[in-house]
């Protein structure tokens, strides 16, 4: 599971039992401890929450995913790029 996916799940399911039900992989708690050690999540009163740094990392990951998606669905330029297209049109 990617770090961004796990951070997203922490936002939705802050309770460890809910996380455990959502992610049936036993390694999720090891990953959460690692995220906690890196300062991306914190655990208070038994609930996991994103830190400011964790929220920033998640926002960056989401922005990259959006950019990659737009690049994947954007129309492809012909060989030579915009210069070749402009010279044919002009």
Protein backbone atom coordinates (compact mmCIF):
# COMPACT_ATOMS: atom_id res chain seq x y z
CA UNK A 1 0.00 0.00 0.00
CA UNK A 2 1.34 3.42 -0.89
CA UNK A 3 2.10 6.04 1.72
CA UNK A 4 -0.45 8.42 0.18
CA UNK A 5 -3.16 5.75 0.30
CA UNK A 6 -2.45 5.06 3.96
CA UNK A 7 -2.51 8.78 4.80
CA UNK A 8 -5.87 9.06 3.01
CA UNK A 9 -7.23 6.17 5.06
CA UNK A 10 -6.05 7.78 8.30
CA UNK A 11 -8.09 10.86 7.38
CA UNK A 12 -11.21 8.73 6.82
CA UNK A 13 -10.72 6.10 9.52
CA UNK A 14 -8.75 7.51 12.49
CA UNK A 15 -9.63 4.63 14.83
CA UNK A 16 -7.16 1.72 14.67
CA UNK A 17 -9.95 -0.89 14.63
CA UNK A 18 -11.61 0.83 11.66
CA UNK A 19 -8.27 0.99 9.86
CA UNK A 20 -7.72 -2.68 10.59
CA UNK A 21 -11.10 -3.57 9.08
CA UNK A 22 -10.56 -1.39 6.02
CA UNK A 23 -7.05 -2.68 5.36
CA UNK A 24 -6.88 -6.40 5.87
CA UNK A 25 -3.12 -6.40 5.62
CA UNK A 26 -1.46 -6.90 9.00
CA UNK A 27 1.43 -4.62 8.04
CA UNK A 28 -0.74 -1.50 8.26
CA UNK A 29 0.14 -0.91 11.90
CA UNK A 30 3.86 -1.24 11.22
CA UNK A 31 3.46 1.32 8.44
CA UNK A 32 1.52 3.61 10.78
CA UNK A 33 4.31 3.42 13.35
CA UNK A 34 6.80 4.35 10.64
CA UNK A 35 4.64 7.31 9.55
CA UNK A 36 4.42 8.35 13.19
CA UNK A 37 8.21 8.15 13.55
CA UNK A 38 8.57 10.35 10.45
CA UNK A 39 6.16 12.93 11.90
CA UNK A 40 3.39 12.40 9.34
CA UNK A 41 0.78 11.05 11.76
CA UNK A 42 0.22 11.27 15.48
CA UNK A 43 -1.84 9.16 17.81
CA UNK A 44 -3.92 10.83 20.50
CA UNK A 45 -6.54 9.18 22.65
CA UNK A 46 -6.21 6.07 20.54
CA UNK A 47 -6.96 7.84 17.23
CA UNK A 48 -4.54 8.49 14.40
CA UNK A 49 -4.47 11.97 12.90
CA UNK A 50 -2.41 13.62 10.21
CA UNK A 51 0.09 16.20 11.33
CA UNK A 52 0.56 19.38 9.30
CA UNK A 53 3.50 17.72 7.64
CA UNK A 54 1.40 14.63 6.87
CA UNK A 55 -1.38 16.76 5.41
CA UNK A 56 1.20 18.53 3.24
CA UNK A 57 2.64 15.23 2.03
CA UNK A 58 -0.85 13.99 1.19
CA UNK A 59 -1.67 17.21 -0.70
CA UNK A 60 1.54 16.89 -2.72
CA UNK A 61 0.80 13.24 -3.53
CA UNK A 62 -2.72 14.11 -4.65
CA UNK A 63 -1.46 17.00 -6.80
CA UNK A 64 1.08 14.73 -8.48
CA UNK A 65 -1.63 12.15 -9.13
CA UNK A 66 -3.85 14.80 -10.74
CA UNK A 67 -0.98 16.02 -12.93
CA UNK A 68 -0.13 12.49 -14.01
CA UNK A 69 -3.78 11.84 -14.82
CA UNK A 70 -3.99 15.00 -16.93
CA UNK A 71 -0.80 14.05 -18.76
CA UNK A 72 -2.18 10.60 -19.45
CA UNK A 73 -5.47 11.87 -20.92
CA UNK A 74 -4.08 14.95 -22.69
CA UNK A 75 -4.02 14.75 -26.48
CA UNK A 76 -0.65 13.67 -27.79
CA UNK A 77 1.37 16.11 -29.84
CA UNK A 78 2.71 14.85 -33.16
CA UNK A 79 6.42 14.20 -33.52
CA UNK A 80 8.17 17.55 -33.43
CA UNK A 81 5.71 18.99 -30.94
CA UNK A 82 4.02 22.36 -31.18
CA UNK A 83 6.61 23.77 -33.60
CA UNK A 84 5.81 21.16 -36.25
CA UNK A 85 2.07 21.64 -35.73
CA UNK A 86 2.37 25.44 -36.03
CA UNK A 87 4.44 25.26 -39.21
CA UNK A 88 1.87 22.97 -40.85
CA UNK A 89 -1.01 25.26 -39.85
CA UNK A 90 0.67 28.51 -40.85
